[in-house]
Amino acid sequence: MSSSTDRLFTPHFFVMCGFTFTVFLSAFQLLPTAPFHIIDLGGSTFASGLFLGFLTYASAFSAPVTGAFADRFGQRRILIVTSLALALFSMGYAVLTGYRLMLALAIVHGIFWSGLLSASAAYMTNLLPEQRRAEGIGYWGLSSVAAIAVAPTVGFWIYRRGWFWLCVLGAALNVIMAVIAFNLQRDRPVRVRSARRAGRLLEWRVLIISGCLFLYSFGYGGITSFTAMYADANGVTPKSLYLTTLAIVILLTRPMAGRLGDQYGYRRVFIPCLVLITMGMACLAVGGSRSWMIASAVLFGTGFGTAYPVYVGYVMQNVAAERRGAAFGAILAAFDTGIGTGSTTIGWLIQRFGYASAFGIAAALSALALPYFLGVERMIDERGTGTLRGQAP
C-alpha cells in the first residue's frame, strides 16, 4: 500500500481524515468529563487528575512496542482491533462504580490508544506521496484539531444528561471507527525472516533523537493546563484567549509550513520552529498581560504547529515503510511523555514559585531542544548508524 503519484487529496486520504476526526471526537468528549465523574464517585481532585496522567503515560511508555506490533501484524488490523477495544473500554467506564477501577482501566486504555495512534499515523504516511509528506500530515492533523475544537462542548452537554449516555455515545463512535478501518485499503504486515530482524522491535535511533520533542512538548503540557488560570490571575479576558489564539495560528500556518518543508528541506524548517517555540515560552515568562499572551500564542503556535509535520517528514526520509509504525511509536513516546511531565511538573512549579518562574523553566528546557537535536544528529552520523539528513541509512 503506497502512493505512486503526486496527488495528495485522494478518497483514501479523506477516509483517514474522517477516521481521525471520529477518534478525537470520541476521546475529547471523555477526557474533560472523566475527572468530574471521578469526583462524583468520591475521588479527590488529585485522583481526577490521575485519569489523564495514567492514560498519557501508559500510551507513551507502550507506544514504541505497540507501534512495532502495527508493523508486524498490519496497521489496518490494529486499527480495527483497537477501535473495538476502545468501544469496550467506553462501556466499562459506563458501568464501573469505583474511581480506582476507572484509573486502572485508564492504564489499559492508554496502551490500546498508543497502538491506534501509531498505526493510523503510519498508515496515513504510507498513503502520502513522498515529496508532499509534510504537507499531507499537516492537512491530516487539522482533522484532529477540528474534532478537539467541538468535542469538549458536546461532551459536557451530554454529560449533563448522564455519564452513561456519554459513554454509550463514545462506544458508538468507536464502533464507527472500526467500520471505517475495516473498509480501508489492506496493507501488508512485515514478514520477519530472521532472528536478527525479529529482535529489532524498537526504532532506537528515532526514539533517541525524538528527545527534542520531549523538551519542547514539556512547555505545551503547561500551556494546555494552565494558560487559562494564568489569564484569570492577570485579569485577562476571555480566559480561553491563549488557547483560542493558539488554535487559530496552528490552523493557519500548519499546511503552508508543511509545504515549505517538502520544498526546501525539513531540517531547514524544523530548526527555526524550535527557536520560535522557545521565544513563545519566554513571552509567557516575561508577562501575563493580554499583549504578552497573544504574542506568545502567535510565536509558540507558529513553531509548535509547524514542528511536528516537518519533523515527521525529516525522520521518515530514512525509515522503511515496514518500520513506520515503530517509528511513530517512538515519536509518540517522546511527545506524550513531555506533555504529561510538563503538565504535572509545571503545576507544582506554579504552586511553589509562581507562573513566571514555571514558564521560565519551561522556556529553558525548550531552548535545549535545538542543541540536543543537532548533537544527537551529529552523533548518529558519526557512528554510522544511519544518517537522518536525507541519504539512505
Protein backbone atom coordinates (compact mmCIF):
# COMPACT_ATOMS: atom_id res chain seq x y z
CA MET A 1 0.00 0.00 0.00
CA SER A 2 1.68 3.21 -1.13
CA SER A 3 1.09 6.26 -3.24
CA SER A 4 2.77 6.41 -6.66
CA THR A 5 1.61 9.86 -7.77
CA ASP A 6 1.88 13.45 -6.58
CA ARG A 7 -1.83 13.56 -5.82
CA LEU A 8 -2.46 14.38 -2.17
CA PHE A 9 -6.24 14.64 -1.75
CA THR A 10 -7.38 11.13 -2.67
CA PRO A 11 -10.53 9.33 -1.45
CA HIS A 12 -8.35 7.24 0.88
CA PHE A 13 -6.87 10.44 2.33
CA PHE A 14 -10.31 11.82 3.19
CA VAL A 15 -11.42 8.49 4.66
CA MET A 16 -8.44 8.58 7.01
CA CYS A 17 -9.26 12.19 7.91
CA GLY A 18 -12.78 11.04 8.78
CA PHE A 19 -11.38 8.20 10.86
CA THR A 20 -9.08 10.56 12.79
CA PHE A 21 -11.86 13.10 13.30
CA THR A 22 -14.01 10.35 14.82
CA VAL A 23 -11.13 9.15 17.02
CA PHE A 24 -10.59 12.56 18.59
CA LEU A 25 -14.30 13.39 18.73
CA SER A 26 -14.76 10.31 20.91
CA ALA A 27 -11.64 10.83 23.03
CA PHE A 28 -12.11 14.51 23.78
CA GLN A 29 -15.69 14.02 24.91
CA LEU A 30 -14.39 11.58 27.50
CA LEU A 31 -11.15 13.21 28.67
CA PRO A 32 -12.51 16.52 30.02
CA THR A 33 -15.60 14.93 31.62
CA ALA A 34 -13.98 11.89 33.26
CA PRO A 35 -12.39 13.96 36.09
CA PHE A 36 -15.83 15.28 37.05
CA HIS A 37 -17.24 11.76 37.12
CA ILE A 38 -14.35 10.58 39.31
CA ILE A 39 -15.17 13.32 41.80
CA ASP A 40 -18.84 12.26 41.68
CA LEU A 41 -17.68 8.75 42.60
CA GLY A 42 -15.89 10.09 45.68
CA GLY A 43 -12.42 10.67 44.28
CA SER A 44 -10.27 13.69 45.12
CA THR A 45 -9.13 16.41 42.74
CA PHE A 46 -5.74 14.70 42.68
CA ALA A 47 -7.36 11.40 41.74
CA SER A 48 -9.32 13.09 38.95
CA GLY A 49 -6.07 14.44 37.53
CA LEU A 50 -4.55 10.96 37.55
CA PHE A 51 -7.03 9.76 34.89
CA LEU A 52 -5.37 11.70 32.08
CA GLY A 53 -1.94 11.17 33.64
CA PHE A 54 -2.30 7.38 33.75
CA LEU A 55 -3.68 7.23 30.22
CA THR A 56 -0.96 9.51 28.81
CA TYR A 57 1.95 7.74 30.47
CA ALA A 58 0.60 4.28 29.58
CA SER A 59 0.33 5.47 25.98
CA ALA A 60 3.82 6.98 25.99
CA PHE A 61 5.61 4.03 27.54
CA SER A 62 3.87 1.43 25.38
CA ALA A 63 3.96 3.34 22.08
CA PRO A 64 7.36 2.07 20.81
CA VAL A 65 6.16 -1.53 21.25
CA THR A 66 2.57 -1.10 20.02
CA GLY A 67 3.84 0.82 17.00
CA ALA A 68 6.14 -2.10 16.15
CA PHE A 69 3.21 -4.51 16.54
CA ALA A 70 1.30 -2.44 14.00
CA ASP A 71 4.14 -3.07 11.53
CA ARG A 72 4.24 -6.79 12.30
CA PHE A 73 0.51 -7.54 12.26
CA GLY A 74 -0.76 -4.89 9.84
CA GLN A 75 -1.80 -1.30 10.53
CA ARG A 76 -5.35 -1.77 9.27
CA ARG A 77 -5.79 -4.81 11.50
CA ILE A 78 -4.50 -2.90 14.55
CA LEU A 79 -6.91 -0.02 13.79
CA ILE A 80 -9.85 -2.44 13.78
CA VAL A 81 -8.79 -4.21 16.99
CA THR A 82 -8.01 -1.02 18.92
CA SER A 83 -11.25 0.66 17.82
CA LEU A 84 -13.29 -2.28 19.10
CA ALA A 85 -11.23 -2.39 22.30
CA LEU A 86 -11.93 1.31 22.91
CA ALA A 87 -15.64 0.61 22.49
CA LEU A 88 -15.40 -1.98 25.25
CA PHE A 89 -13.48 0.44 27.47
CA SER A 90 -16.16 3.09 26.95
CA MET A 91 -18.85 0.69 28.12
CA GLY A 92 -16.60 -0.33 31.00
CA TYR A 93 -16.39 3.29 32.16
CA ALA A 94 -20.19 3.46 31.95
CA VAL A 95 -20.78 0.66 34.46
CA LEU A 96 -17.83 0.96 36.87
CA THR A 97 -18.88 2.29 40.26
CA GLY A 98 -15.45 2.91 41.80
CA TYR A 99 -12.98 5.56 40.66
CA ARG A 100 -9.99 3.31 41.42
CA LEU A 101 -11.25 0.82 38.85
CA MET A 102 -11.61 3.68 36.35
CA LEU A 103 -7.98 4.65 36.91
CA ALA A 104 -6.86 1.05 36.46
CA LEU A 105 -8.84 0.77 33.22
CA ALA A 106 -7.27 4.04 32.01
CA ILE A 107 -3.85 2.35 32.04
CA VAL A 108 -5.05 -0.45 29.74
CA HIS A 109 -6.91 2.14 27.66
CA GLY A 110 -3.65 4.07 27.18
CA ILE A 111 -1.86 1.01 25.78
CA PHE A 112 -4.50 0.45 23.09
CA TRP A 113 -4.66 4.22 22.45
CA SER A 114 -0.96 4.29 21.60
CA GLY A 115 -1.42 1.41 19.16
CA LEU A 116 -4.26 3.24 17.44
CA LEU A 117 -2.30 6.49 17.10
CA SER A 118 0.89 4.81 15.87
CA ALA A 119 -0.94 2.60 13.37
CA SER A 120 -3.08 5.44 11.97
CA ALA A 121 -0.06 7.74 11.56
CA ALA A 122 1.95 5.03 9.82
CA TYR A 123 -0.98 4.12 7.58
CA MET A 124 -1.51 7.74 6.56
CA THR A 125 2.20 8.25 5.89
CA ASN A 126 2.16 5.28 3.52
CA LEU A 127 -0.74 6.87 1.62
CA LEU A 128 1.03 10.18 1.06
CA PRO A 129 3.31 10.95 -1.90
CA GLU A 130 6.84 11.17 -0.53
CA GLN A 131 7.51 14.64 -1.95
CA ARG A 132 4.37 16.07 -0.24
CA ARG A 133 4.62 14.17 3.03
CA ALA A 134 4.84 17.07 5.50
CA GLU A 135 2.08 18.97 3.69
CA GLY A 136 -0.16 15.92 3.81
CA ILE A 137 0.49 15.29 7.50
CA GLY A 138 -0.22 18.94 8.20
CA TYR A 139 -3.61 18.80 6.48
CA TRP A 140 -4.42 15.46 8.09
CA GLY A 141 -3.63 16.92 11.51
CA LEU A 142 -6.34 19.53 11.01
CA SER A 143 -8.97 16.79 11.32
CA SER A 144 -7.90 16.18 14.94
CA VAL A 145 -7.75 19.93 15.64
CA ALA A 146 -11.30 20.32 14.30
CA ALA A 147 -12.55 17.44 16.47
CA ILE A 148 -10.87 18.81 19.59
CA ALA A 149 -12.49 22.20 18.92
CA VAL A 150 -16.03 20.79 19.19
CA ALA A 151 -15.73 17.60 21.26
CA PRO A 152 -15.49 19.07 24.80
CA THR A 153 -18.58 21.22 24.27
CA VAL A 154 -20.55 18.23 23.00
CA GLY A 155 -19.17 16.06 25.79
CA PHE A 156 -20.23 18.39 28.60
CA TRP A 157 -23.68 18.84 27.02
CA ILE A 158 -24.21 15.06 27.00
CA TYR A 159 -22.63 14.68 30.47
CA ARG A 160 -25.36 16.89 31.92
CA ARG A 161 -27.81 14.25 30.70
CA GLY A 162 -25.87 11.39 32.28
CA TRP A 163 -22.42 9.80 32.33
CA PHE A 164 -23.87 6.55 30.99
CA TRP A 165 -25.11 8.18 27.79
CA LEU A 166 -21.76 9.91 27.25
CA CYS A 167 -20.04 6.52 27.39
CA VAL A 168 -22.62 4.96 25.09
CA LEU A 169 -22.00 7.68 22.50
CA GLY A 170 -18.25 7.15 22.86
CA ALA A 171 -18.69 3.41 22.28
CA ALA A 172 -20.86 4.08 19.22
CA LEU A 173 -18.18 6.35 17.76
CA ASN A 174 -15.55 3.68 18.43
CA VAL A 175 -17.66 1.13 16.53
CA ILE A 176 -17.93 3.61 13.64
CA MET A 177 -14.12 3.85 13.73
CA ALA A 178 -13.88 0.06 13.45
CA VAL A 179 -16.25 0.07 10.46
CA ILE A 180 -14.18 2.76 8.72
CA ALA A 181 -10.97 0.85 9.45
CA PHE A 182 -12.49 -2.40 8.13
CA ASN A 183 -13.17 -0.68 4.80
CA LEU A 184 -9.67 0.75 4.46
CA GLN A 185 -7.32 -0.50 1.78
CA ARG A 186 -5.41 -3.52 3.08
CA ASP A 187 -1.75 -3.10 3.99
CA ARG A 188 0.93 -5.76 4.15
CA PRO A 189 2.24 -6.83 7.57
CA VAL A 190 6.01 -7.19 7.93
CA ARG A 191 7.30 -10.71 7.33
CA VAL A 192 10.12 -11.35 9.80
CA ARG A 193 12.56 -13.71 8.11
CA SER A 194 15.45 -13.79 10.56
CA ALA A 195 16.13 -13.82 14.26
CA ARG A 196 18.09 -10.61 13.88
CA ARG A 197 15.12 -8.78 12.36
CA ALA A 198 12.75 -10.35 14.85
CA GLY A 199 14.77 -8.91 17.69
CA ARG A 200 14.69 -5.41 16.20
CA LEU A 201 11.42 -4.33 17.76
CA LEU A 202 12.06 -0.68 18.64
CA GLU A 203 13.27 2.19 16.47
CA TRP A 204 16.00 3.29 18.88
CA ARG A 205 17.50 5.85 16.50
CA VAL A 206 14.16 7.68 16.17
CA LEU A 207 13.44 7.35 19.89
CA ILE A 208 16.75 8.93 20.87
CA ILE A 209 16.59 11.90 18.51
CA SER A 210 12.93 12.45 19.47
CA GLY A 211 14.15 13.59 22.87
CA CYS A 212 13.98 17.07 21.35
CA LEU A 213 10.19 16.61 21.17
CA PHE A 214 10.12 15.84 24.89
CA LEU A 215 11.99 19.07 25.63
CA TYR A 216 9.60 21.35 23.75
CA SER A 217 6.35 19.46 24.43
CA PHE A 218 7.05 19.87 28.17
CA GLY A 219 6.02 23.51 27.81
CA TYR A 220 2.96 22.58 25.76
CA GLY A 221 1.74 20.43 28.66
CA GLY A 222 1.83 23.50 30.90
CA ILE A 223 0.20 25.71 28.27
CA THR A 224 -2.80 23.43 27.82
CA SER A 225 -3.31 23.07 31.56
CA PHE A 226 -2.53 26.50 33.00
CA THR A 227 -2.76 29.38 30.50
CA ALA A 228 -6.46 29.87 31.31
CA MET A 229 -5.59 30.09 35.01
CA TYR A 230 -2.68 32.43 34.18
CA ALA A 231 -5.05 34.71 32.25
CA ASP A 232 -7.54 34.70 35.12
CA ALA A 233 -4.82 35.57 37.63
CA ASN A 234 -3.83 38.59 35.50
CA GLY A 235 -7.36 39.75 34.76
CA VAL A 236 -7.18 38.85 31.07
CA THR A 237 -10.49 38.04 29.43
CA PRO A 238 -11.63 35.76 27.99
CA LYS A 239 -9.74 33.12 29.93
CA SER A 240 -9.52 30.99 26.81
CA LEU A 241 -7.74 33.78 24.88
CA TYR A 242 -4.41 31.97 24.70
CA LEU A 243 -5.74 28.59 23.61
CA THR A 244 -8.12 30.12 21.07
CA THR A 245 -5.32 32.21 19.53
CA LEU A 246 -3.05 29.17 19.54
CA ALA A 247 -5.61 27.04 17.69
CA ILE A 248 -6.22 29.73 15.06
CA VAL A 249 -2.48 30.18 14.45
CA ILE A 250 -1.95 26.43 14.04
CA LEU A 251 -4.88 26.15 11.63
CA LEU A 252 -3.48 28.98 9.51
CA THR A 253 0.22 28.09 9.47
CA ARG A 254 0.49 24.29 9.56
CA PRO A 255 -0.50 23.40 5.96
CA MET A 256 1.62 26.18 4.42
CA ALA A 257 4.64 25.36 6.57
CA GLY A 258 4.42 21.68 5.71
CA ARG A 259 4.61 22.60 2.04
CA LEU A 260 7.74 24.68 2.74
CA GLY A 261 9.34 21.68 4.42
CA ASP A 262 8.64 19.48 1.40
CA GLN A 263 10.08 22.06 -1.00
CA TYR A 264 13.08 23.47 0.88
CA GLY A 265 14.02 20.74 3.33
CA TYR A 266 12.51 19.54 6.60
CA ARG A 267 15.57 20.29 8.66
CA ARG A 268 15.74 23.88 7.42
CA VAL A 269 12.17 24.50 8.57
CA PHE A 270 12.34 22.45 11.78
CA ILE A 271 15.30 24.33 13.30
CA PRO A 272 13.61 27.78 13.17
CA CYS A 273 10.49 26.17 14.65
CA LEU A 274 12.47 25.22 17.76
CA VAL A 275 13.61 28.83 18.11
CA LEU A 276 10.03 30.14 17.78
CA ILE A 277 8.80 27.68 20.42
CA THR A 278 11.38 28.95 22.90
CA MET A 279 10.55 32.58 22.12
CA GLY A 280 6.86 31.87 22.69
CA MET A 281 7.51 30.24 26.06
CA ALA A 282 9.80 33.12 27.05
CA CYS A 283 6.99 35.62 26.36
CA LEU A 284 4.84 33.85 28.96
CA ALA A 285 7.68 34.07 31.46
CA VAL A 286 8.10 37.80 30.84
CA GLY A 287 4.46 38.71 31.42
CA GLY A 288 0.87 37.55 31.59
CA SER A 289 -0.83 40.59 30.09
CA ARG A 290 -3.10 40.34 27.07
CA SER A 291 -0.39 41.54 24.66
CA TRP A 292 2.26 39.15 26.02
CA MET A 293 -0.15 36.22 25.88
CA ILE A 294 -1.16 36.94 22.30
CA ALA A 295 2.49 37.36 21.27
CA SER A 296 3.34 34.08 22.96
CA ALA A 297 0.45 32.23 21.31
CA VAL A 298 1.43 33.51 17.85
CA LEU A 299 5.12 32.62 18.24
CA PHE A 300 4.57 29.32 20.01
CA GLY A 301 1.69 28.31 17.73
CA THR A 302 3.69 29.01 14.56
CA GLY A 303 6.64 26.99 15.82
CA PHE A 304 4.73 24.20 17.55
CA GLY A 305 2.13 23.70 14.83
CA THR A 306 4.79 23.51 12.13
CA ALA A 307 7.39 21.48 14.02
CA TYR A 308 5.51 18.16 14.13
CA PRO A 309 4.75 17.62 10.40
CA VAL A 310 8.21 18.73 9.28
CA TYR A 311 9.86 16.61 11.98
CA VAL A 312 7.89 13.58 10.81
CA GLY A 313 8.90 14.33 7.22
CA TYR A 314 12.53 14.62 8.33
CA VAL A 315 12.55 11.35 10.25
CA MET A 316 10.58 9.34 7.69
CA GLN A 317 13.08 10.09 4.92
CA ASN A 318 15.06 7.07 6.03
CA VAL A 319 12.51 4.85 7.74
CA ALA A 320 11.36 1.94 5.61
CA ALA A 321 7.61 1.59 5.10
CA GLU A 322 7.56 -1.59 7.16
CA ARG A 323 9.12 0.24 10.14
CA ARG A 324 6.90 3.33 10.22
CA GLY A 325 4.63 2.08 12.98
CA ALA A 326 7.65 1.57 15.22
CA ALA A 327 8.99 5.00 14.27
CA PHE A 328 5.70 6.72 15.07
CA GLY A 329 5.58 4.82 18.34
CA ALA A 330 8.97 6.28 19.25
CA ILE A 331 7.80 9.79 18.32
CA LEU A 332 4.59 9.38 20.32
CA ALA A 333 6.53 8.12 23.34
CA ALA A 334 8.71 11.24 23.49
CA PHE A 335 5.87 13.64 22.73
CA ASP A 336 3.34 12.25 25.23
CA THR A 337 5.93 11.87 27.97
CA GLY A 338 6.82 15.53 27.54
CA ILE A 339 3.20 16.67 27.69
CA GLY A 340 2.35 14.55 30.73
CA THR A 341 5.50 15.52 32.60
CA GLY A 342 5.11 19.19 31.73
CA SER A 343 1.50 19.36 32.89
CA THR A 344 2.34 17.70 36.21
CA THR A 345 5.62 19.48 36.89
CA ILE A 346 4.56 22.96 35.84
CA GLY A 347 1.56 22.72 38.13
CA TRP A 348 3.90 22.02 41.05
CA LEU A 349 6.27 24.81 39.99
CA ILE A 350 3.41 27.31 39.79
CA GLN A 351 2.30 26.38 43.29
CA ARG A 352 5.82 26.81 44.68
CA PHE A 353 7.33 29.65 42.63
CA GLY A 354 4.58 31.31 40.57
CA TYR A 355 3.62 31.40 36.92
CA ALA A 356 6.56 33.43 35.60
CA SER A 357 9.17 31.10 37.09
CA ALA A 358 7.33 27.98 35.96
CA PHE A 359 7.04 29.16 32.36
CA GLY A 360 10.64 30.40 32.51
CA ILE A 361 11.83 26.89 33.36
CA ALA A 362 9.73 25.50 30.51
CA ALA A 363 11.35 28.05 28.17
CA ALA A 364 14.81 26.99 29.34
CA LEU A 365 14.02 23.34 28.64
CA SER A 366 12.67 24.13 25.18
CA ALA A 367 15.87 26.09 24.48
CA LEU A 368 17.78 22.83 24.98
CA ALA A 369 15.81 21.13 22.19
CA LEU A 370 17.89 22.68 19.40
CA PRO A 371 21.38 21.80 20.74
CA TYR A 372 20.07 18.34 21.69
CA PHE A 373 18.72 17.78 18.17
CA LEU A 374 21.93 18.92 16.49
CA GLY A 375 24.12 16.94 18.88
CA VAL A 376 22.23 13.67 18.52
CA GLU A 377 22.01 14.09 14.77
CA ARG A 378 25.79 14.51 14.59
CA MET A 379 26.35 11.52 16.87
CA ILE A 380 24.17 9.28 14.70
CA ASP A 381 26.02 10.36 11.56
CA GLU A 382 29.47 9.86 13.09
CA ARG A 383 28.67 6.40 14.44
CA GLY A 384 27.36 5.28 11.09
CA THR A 385 24.03 4.09 12.47
CA GLY A 386 22.18 5.76 9.64
CA THR A 387 22.08 9.42 8.77
CA LEU A 388 18.87 11.41 9.15
CA ARG A 389 19.83 14.11 6.65
CA GLY A 390 18.38 12.61 3.53
CA GLN A 391 20.76 9.84 2.41
CA ALA A 392 19.98 6.21 2.79
CA PRO A 393 20.75 4.76 6.21
